[in-house]
Amino acid sequence: MWISIGAIAGLIGVAIGALTSHGIKEQLTPDAFAQVQTAVDYQFFHALALVMLGCLLKNHNIRPKTGHLSGVFFSLGLLLFSGGIYLKYLLSSMVMAQFIPLGGLGFMAGWLLLAAAAVGYERKTR
């Protein structure tokens, strides 16, 4: 599941990055362009993190429950942080603007949970 979500997040990141760099860059202020590029960058980092998480879980290299919770928080971070920035700067919608910082906290929680899922975990042999 996490590999698929990460792959879709990567696809969306490519699409939004291409749209803003080649399609509508002239319509954005330099600040808006920089903000959207930051959201795209964070989306790529966390898309890769989700793919990595899926691989770790599939190979039983981390605690499953904590690992899945990490994926939930990475996904929430993507929706709230990157999604909030996209809505604010690309659609001029302030609907999710107040949740952007919560998305950043979601990313941090995801990384902390990933670390917790791996620390001291010994792979069970069959």
N, C-alpha and C. Protein backbone atom coordinates (compact mmCIF):
# COMPACT_ATOMS: atom_id res chain seq x y z
N MET A 1 0.83 -1.20 0.00
CA MET A 1 0.00 0.00 0.00
C MET A 1 0.87 1.26 0.00
N TRP A 2 1.90 1.29 0.85
CA TRP A 2 2.71 2.51 0.95
C TRP A 2 3.52 2.76 -0.31
N ILE A 3 3.94 1.68 -0.97
CA ILE A 3 4.67 1.85 -2.23
C ILE A 3 3.76 2.51 -3.26
N SER A 4 2.52 2.07 -3.35
CA SER A 4 1.57 2.65 -4.30
C SER A 4 1.28 4.11 -3.98
N ILE A 5 1.05 4.42 -2.72
CA ILE A 5 0.78 5.81 -2.32
C ILE A 5 2.00 6.68 -2.63
N GLY A 6 3.20 6.17 -2.34
CA GLY A 6 4.41 6.92 -2.65
C GLY A 6 4.58 7.15 -4.14
N ALA A 7 4.28 6.13 -4.94
CA ALA A 7 4.40 6.27 -6.38
C ALA A 7 3.42 7.30 -6.93
N ILE A 8 2.20 7.28 -6.42
CA ILE A 8 1.20 8.27 -6.85
C ILE A 8 1.61 9.67 -6.42
N ALA A 9 2.14 9.80 -5.19
CA ALA A 9 2.62 11.10 -4.72
C ALA A 9 3.76 11.60 -5.60
N GLY A 10 4.64 10.70 -6.03
CA GLY A 10 5.72 11.08 -6.93
C GLY A 10 5.19 11.55 -8.28
N LEU A 11 4.21 10.84 -8.80
CA LEU A 11 3.57 11.23 -10.07
C LEU A 11 2.96 12.62 -9.98
N ILE A 12 2.23 12.87 -8.90
CA ILE A 12 1.60 14.18 -8.72
C ILE A 12 2.67 15.26 -8.57
N GLY A 13 3.77 14.95 -7.87
CA GLY A 13 4.86 15.90 -7.72
C GLY A 13 5.47 16.28 -9.06
N VAL A 14 5.68 15.29 -9.93
CA VAL A 14 6.20 15.57 -11.27
C VAL A 14 5.24 16.46 -12.04
N ALA A 15 3.95 16.14 -11.98
CA ALA A 15 2.95 16.91 -12.72
C ALA A 15 2.89 18.36 -12.24
N ILE A 16 2.86 18.56 -10.93
CA ILE A 16 2.77 19.93 -10.41
C ILE A 16 4.08 20.67 -10.66
N GLY A 17 5.21 19.99 -10.52
CA GLY A 17 6.49 20.62 -10.81
C GLY A 17 6.58 21.06 -12.26
N ALA A 18 6.15 20.21 -13.18
CA ALA A 18 6.16 20.57 -14.61
C ALA A 18 5.19 21.71 -14.90
N LEU A 19 4.01 21.63 -14.31
CA LEU A 19 3.01 22.68 -14.52
C LEU A 19 3.53 24.04 -14.08
N THR A 20 4.12 24.08 -12.90
CA THR A 20 4.58 25.37 -12.40
C THR A 20 5.85 25.85 -13.09
N SER A 21 6.73 24.95 -13.47
CA SER A 21 7.99 25.36 -14.11
C SER A 21 7.82 25.70 -15.59
N HIS A 22 6.91 25.02 -16.26
CA HIS A 22 6.80 25.19 -17.70
C HIS A 22 5.46 25.75 -18.16
N GLY A 23 4.46 25.68 -17.32
CA GLY A 23 3.13 26.08 -17.76
C GLY A 23 2.68 27.42 -17.23
N ILE A 24 2.83 27.62 -15.94
CA ILE A 24 2.24 28.84 -15.34
C ILE A 24 3.25 29.67 -14.56
N LYS A 25 4.52 29.44 -14.75
CA LYS A 25 5.54 30.14 -13.98
C LYS A 25 5.38 31.66 -14.09
N GLU A 26 5.06 32.14 -15.28
CA GLU A 26 4.93 33.59 -15.49
C GLU A 26 3.74 34.18 -14.74
N GLN A 27 2.78 33.36 -14.39
CA GLN A 27 1.60 33.83 -13.68
C GLN A 27 1.79 33.87 -12.17
N LEU A 28 2.88 33.32 -11.70
CA LEU A 28 3.15 33.27 -10.26
C LEU A 28 4.15 34.34 -9.87
N THR A 29 3.98 34.87 -8.67
CA THR A 29 5.00 35.77 -8.14
C THR A 29 6.23 34.93 -7.81
N PRO A 30 7.39 35.56 -7.71
CA PRO A 30 8.58 34.79 -7.33
C PRO A 30 8.39 34.06 -5.99
N ASP A 31 7.73 34.70 -5.02
CA ASP A 31 7.48 34.05 -3.74
C ASP A 31 6.56 32.84 -3.89
N ALA A 32 5.50 32.99 -4.66
CA ALA A 32 4.57 31.87 -4.87
C ALA A 32 5.27 30.72 -5.56
N PHE A 33 6.09 31.03 -6.56
CA PHE A 33 6.83 29.98 -7.27
C PHE A 33 7.76 29.24 -6.30
N ALA A 34 8.47 29.99 -5.46
CA ALA A 34 9.39 29.38 -4.49
C ALA A 34 8.63 28.50 -3.50
N GLN A 35 7.48 28.97 -3.04
CA GLN A 35 6.68 28.19 -2.09
C GLN A 35 6.20 26.88 -2.72
N VAL A 36 5.72 26.96 -3.96
CA VAL A 36 5.25 25.75 -4.64
C VAL A 36 6.41 24.79 -4.89
N GLN A 37 7.57 25.32 -5.25
CA GLN A 37 8.74 24.46 -5.46
C GLN A 37 9.13 23.76 -4.16
N THR A 38 9.03 24.46 -3.04
CA THR A 38 9.31 23.83 -1.75
C THR A 38 8.33 22.69 -1.50
N ALA A 39 7.05 22.92 -1.79
CA ALA A 39 6.04 21.87 -1.60
C ALA A 39 6.33 20.67 -2.50
N VAL A 40 6.75 20.93 -3.74
CA VAL A 40 7.08 19.84 -4.67
C VAL A 40 8.28 19.06 -4.13
N ASP A 41 9.31 19.78 -3.67
CA ASP A 41 10.49 19.11 -3.11
C ASP A 41 10.11 18.21 -1.95
N TYR A 42 9.33 18.74 -1.02
CA TYR A 42 8.92 17.94 0.14
C TYR A 42 8.04 16.77 -0.29
N GLN A 43 7.25 16.97 -1.32
CA GLN A 43 6.42 15.88 -1.81
C GLN A 43 7.30 14.75 -2.35
N PHE A 44 8.34 15.10 -3.10
CA PHE A 44 9.25 14.07 -3.62
C PHE A 44 9.97 13.34 -2.50
N PHE A 45 10.50 14.08 -1.52
CA PHE A 45 11.21 13.44 -0.42
C PHE A 45 10.31 12.42 0.28
N HIS A 46 9.08 12.82 0.50
CA HIS A 46 8.18 11.96 1.26
C HIS A 46 7.53 10.88 0.40
N ALA A 47 7.45 11.11 -0.90
CA ALA A 47 7.03 10.03 -1.81
C ALA A 47 8.07 8.91 -1.75
N LEU A 48 9.34 9.28 -1.80
CA LEU A 48 10.41 8.29 -1.70
C LEU A 48 10.42 7.63 -0.32
N ALA A 49 10.14 8.40 0.71
CA ALA A 49 10.08 7.83 2.06
C ALA A 49 8.97 6.78 2.15
N LEU A 50 7.84 7.04 1.51
CA LEU A 50 6.74 6.08 1.53
C LEU A 50 7.10 4.80 0.76
N VAL A 51 7.78 4.96 -0.36
CA VAL A 51 8.23 3.78 -1.12
C VAL A 51 9.21 2.97 -0.27
N MET A 52 10.16 3.66 0.35
CA MET A 52 11.14 3.00 1.22
C MET A 52 10.42 2.29 2.37
N LEU A 53 9.46 2.96 2.97
CA LEU A 53 8.70 2.38 4.07
C LEU A 53 8.01 1.10 3.63
N GLY A 54 7.39 1.15 2.46
CA GLY A 54 6.73 -0.05 1.94
C GLY A 54 7.69 -1.21 1.78
N CYS A 55 8.89 -0.91 1.29
CA CYS A 55 9.91 -1.97 1.13
C CYS A 55 10.35 -2.51 2.48
N LEU A 56 10.55 -1.63 3.44
CA LEU A 56 10.96 -2.08 4.78
C LEU A 56 9.89 -2.97 5.41
N LEU A 57 8.65 -2.57 5.26
CA LEU A 57 7.56 -3.37 5.83
C LEU A 57 7.41 -4.71 5.11
N LYS A 58 7.55 -4.69 3.81
CA LYS A 58 7.41 -5.92 3.03
C LYS A 58 8.48 -6.94 3.41
N ASN A 59 9.66 -6.46 3.72
CA ASN A 59 10.76 -7.35 4.08
C ASN A 59 10.87 -7.57 5.59
N HIS A 60 9.90 -7.09 6.34
CA HIS A 60 9.84 -7.29 7.79
C HIS A 60 11.08 -6.75 8.50
N ASN A 61 11.56 -5.60 8.07
CA ASN A 61 12.76 -5.01 8.65
C ASN A 61 12.47 -3.97 9.73
N ILE A 62 11.20 -3.67 9.97
CA ILE A 62 10.82 -2.72 11.01
C ILE A 62 9.54 -3.20 11.69
N ARG A 63 9.24 -2.60 12.84
CA ARG A 63 8.01 -2.93 13.55
C ARG A 63 6.81 -2.53 12.68
N PRO A 64 5.93 -3.47 12.38
CA PRO A 64 4.84 -3.18 11.44
C PRO A 64 3.86 -2.10 11.90
N LYS A 65 3.38 -2.18 13.12
CA LYS A 65 2.38 -1.20 13.56
C LYS A 65 2.94 0.21 13.56
N THR A 66 4.15 0.37 14.10
CA THR A 66 4.77 1.69 14.15
C THR A 66 5.13 2.15 12.74
N GLY A 67 5.55 1.23 11.90
CA GLY A 67 5.87 1.56 10.51
C GLY A 67 4.65 2.06 9.75
N HIS A 68 3.52 1.38 9.92
CA HIS A 68 2.29 1.83 9.25
C HIS A 68 1.86 3.20 9.77
N LEU A 69 2.03 3.42 11.05
CA LEU A 69 1.68 4.73 11.61
C LEU A 69 2.57 5.82 11.02
N SER A 70 3.82 5.50 10.79
CA SER A 70 4.72 6.43 10.12
C SER A 70 4.18 6.80 8.74
N GLY A 71 3.71 5.82 8.00
CA GLY A 71 3.12 6.07 6.68
C GLY A 71 1.90 6.96 6.75
N VAL A 72 1.09 6.76 7.77
CA VAL A 72 -0.09 7.61 7.96
C VAL A 72 0.33 9.07 8.14
N PHE A 73 1.34 9.28 8.97
CA PHE A 73 1.78 10.65 9.22
C PHE A 73 2.49 11.26 8.01
N PHE A 74 3.27 10.47 7.27
CA PHE A 74 3.86 10.98 6.03
C PHE A 74 2.75 11.41 5.07
N SER A 75 1.71 10.59 4.96
CA SER A 75 0.60 10.90 4.05
C SER A 75 -0.15 12.14 4.49
N LEU A 76 -0.39 12.25 5.80
CA LEU A 76 -1.04 13.47 6.31
C LEU A 76 -0.19 14.70 6.03
N GLY A 77 1.12 14.55 6.17
CA GLY A 77 2.02 15.65 5.85
C GLY A 77 1.91 16.06 4.40
N LEU A 78 1.84 15.08 3.51
CA LEU A 78 1.69 15.39 2.09
C LEU A 78 0.40 16.16 1.82
N LEU A 79 -0.68 15.69 2.39
CA LEU A 79 -1.97 16.35 2.16
C LEU A 79 -2.01 17.75 2.75
N LEU A 80 -1.56 17.88 3.98
CA LEU A 80 -1.70 19.16 4.67
C LEU A 80 -0.62 20.16 4.27
N PHE A 81 0.63 19.73 4.18
CA PHE A 81 1.71 20.66 3.85
C PHE A 81 1.73 20.96 2.35
N SER A 82 2.03 19.95 1.55
CA SER A 82 2.12 20.19 0.11
C SER A 82 0.76 20.57 -0.46
N GLY A 83 -0.28 19.83 -0.09
CA GLY A 83 -1.61 20.15 -0.58
C GLY A 83 -2.07 21.54 -0.19
N GLY A 84 -1.79 21.93 1.04
CA GLY A 84 -2.16 23.27 1.50
C GLY A 84 -1.45 24.37 0.72
N ILE A 85 -0.18 24.16 0.45
CA ILE A 85 0.58 25.14 -0.34
C ILE A 85 0.06 25.20 -1.77
N TYR A 86 -0.23 24.04 -2.37
CA TYR A 86 -0.77 24.04 -3.73
C TYR A 86 -2.09 24.81 -3.80
N LEU A 87 -2.96 24.54 -2.85
CA LEU A 87 -4.25 25.24 -2.84
C LEU A 87 -4.06 26.74 -2.66
N LYS A 88 -3.17 27.12 -1.75
CA LYS A 88 -2.96 28.54 -1.44
C LYS A 88 -2.37 29.29 -2.62
N TYR A 89 -1.34 28.74 -3.24
CA TYR A 89 -0.62 29.50 -4.26
C TYR A 89 -1.05 29.21 -5.69
N LEU A 90 -1.60 28.04 -5.95
CA LEU A 90 -2.02 27.73 -7.32
C LEU A 90 -3.49 28.00 -7.55
N LEU A 91 -4.30 27.86 -6.51
CA LEU A 91 -5.74 28.07 -6.66
C LEU A 91 -6.26 29.26 -5.86
N SER A 92 -5.35 29.99 -5.23
CA SER A 92 -5.71 31.15 -4.41
C SER A 92 -6.79 30.81 -3.38
N SER A 93 -6.69 29.62 -2.82
CA SER A 93 -7.64 29.18 -1.81
C SER A 93 -6.96 29.12 -0.45
N MET A 94 -7.56 29.75 0.52
CA MET A 94 -7.01 29.75 1.87
C MET A 94 -7.65 28.68 2.75
N VAL A 95 -8.41 27.78 2.14
CA VAL A 95 -9.15 26.77 2.88
C VAL A 95 -8.25 25.96 3.81
N MET A 96 -7.07 25.57 3.32
CA MET A 96 -6.19 24.71 4.12
C MET A 96 -4.94 25.42 4.61
N ALA A 97 -4.85 26.71 4.39
CA ALA A 97 -3.62 27.44 4.73
C ALA A 97 -3.24 27.29 6.19
N GLN A 98 -4.22 27.28 7.08
CA GLN A 98 -3.91 27.17 8.50
C GLN A 98 -3.39 25.78 8.88
N PHE A 99 -3.56 24.79 7.98
CA PHE A 99 -3.12 23.43 8.27
C PHE A 99 -1.71 23.13 7.74
N ILE A 100 -1.13 24.05 6.99
CA ILE A 100 0.20 23.83 6.43
C ILE A 100 1.22 23.51 7.52
N PRO A 101 1.28 24.28 8.62
CA PRO A 101 2.24 23.91 9.68
C PRO A 101 1.97 22.53 10.29
N LEU A 102 0.72 22.12 10.36
CA LEU A 102 0.40 20.79 10.87
C LEU A 102 0.95 19.70 9.93
N GLY A 103 0.97 20.01 8.65
CA GLY A 103 1.56 19.08 7.70
C GLY A 103 3.05 18.89 7.97
N GLY A 104 3.73 19.99 8.28
CA GLY A 104 5.15 19.90 8.64
C GLY A 104 5.35 19.05 9.88
N LEU A 105 4.46 19.22 10.84
CA LEU A 105 4.53 18.38 12.05
C LEU A 105 4.25 16.92 11.71
N GLY A 106 3.35 16.70 10.77
CA GLY A 106 3.07 15.33 10.32
C GLY A 106 4.31 14.68 9.72
N PHE A 107 5.04 15.44 8.90
CA PHE A 107 6.29 14.91 8.35
C PHE A 107 7.26 14.54 9.47
N MET A 108 7.43 15.44 10.43
CA MET A 108 8.35 15.17 11.54
C MET A 108 7.92 13.95 12.34
N ALA A 109 6.62 13.83 12.60
CA ALA A 109 6.11 12.67 13.34
C ALA A 109 6.36 11.39 12.55
N GLY A 110 6.19 11.45 11.24
CA GLY A 110 6.44 10.28 10.40
C GLY A 110 7.89 9.81 10.50
N TRP A 111 8.82 10.77 10.47
CA TRP A 111 10.24 10.40 10.58
C TRP A 111 10.55 9.84 11.97
N LEU A 112 9.99 10.45 13.00
CA LEU A 112 10.21 9.96 14.36
C LEU A 112 9.66 8.55 14.52
N LEU A 113 8.48 8.31 13.99
CA LEU A 113 7.88 6.98 14.07
C LEU A 113 8.67 5.96 13.25
N LEU A 114 9.20 6.38 12.11
CA LEU A 114 10.03 5.47 11.33
C LEU A 114 11.27 5.08 12.12
N ALA A 115 11.88 6.05 12.77
CA ALA A 115 13.05 5.75 13.60
C ALA A 115 12.66 4.79 14.73
N ALA A 116 11.54 5.06 15.37
CA ALA A 116 11.08 4.19 16.46
C ALA A 116 10.78 2.78 15.95
N ALA A 117 10.27 2.69 14.73
CA ALA A 117 9.95 1.37 14.17
C ALA A 117 11.20 0.55 13.91
N ALA A 118 12.32 1.22 13.69
CA ALA A 118 13.55 0.52 13.34
C ALA A 118 14.48 0.29 14.53
N VAL A 119 14.46 1.17 15.51
CA VAL A 119 15.42 1.08 16.62
C VAL A 119 15.19 -0.19 17.42
N GLY A 120 16.24 -0.97 17.53
CA GLY A 120 16.19 -2.17 18.35
C GLY A 120 15.34 -3.30 17.81
N TYR A 121 14.81 -3.13 16.59
CA TYR A 121 13.96 -4.20 16.03
C TYR A 121 14.84 -5.30 15.47
N GLU A 122 14.54 -6.52 15.86
CA GLU A 122 15.25 -7.67 15.33
C GLU A 122 14.29 -8.45 14.45
N ARG A 123 14.70 -8.63 13.23
CA ARG A 123 13.88 -9.36 12.27
C ARG A 123 13.66 -10.78 12.77
N LYS A 124 12.40 -11.17 12.76
CA LYS A 124 12.06 -12.52 13.18
C LYS A 124 12.38 -13.50 12.06
N THR A 125 13.04 -14.57 12.42
CA THR A 125 13.35 -15.59 11.43
C THR A 125 12.21 -16.60 11.39
N ARG A 126 12.05 -17.19 10.24
CA ARG A 126 10.95 -18.15 10.08
C ARG A 126 11.41 -19.54 10.36
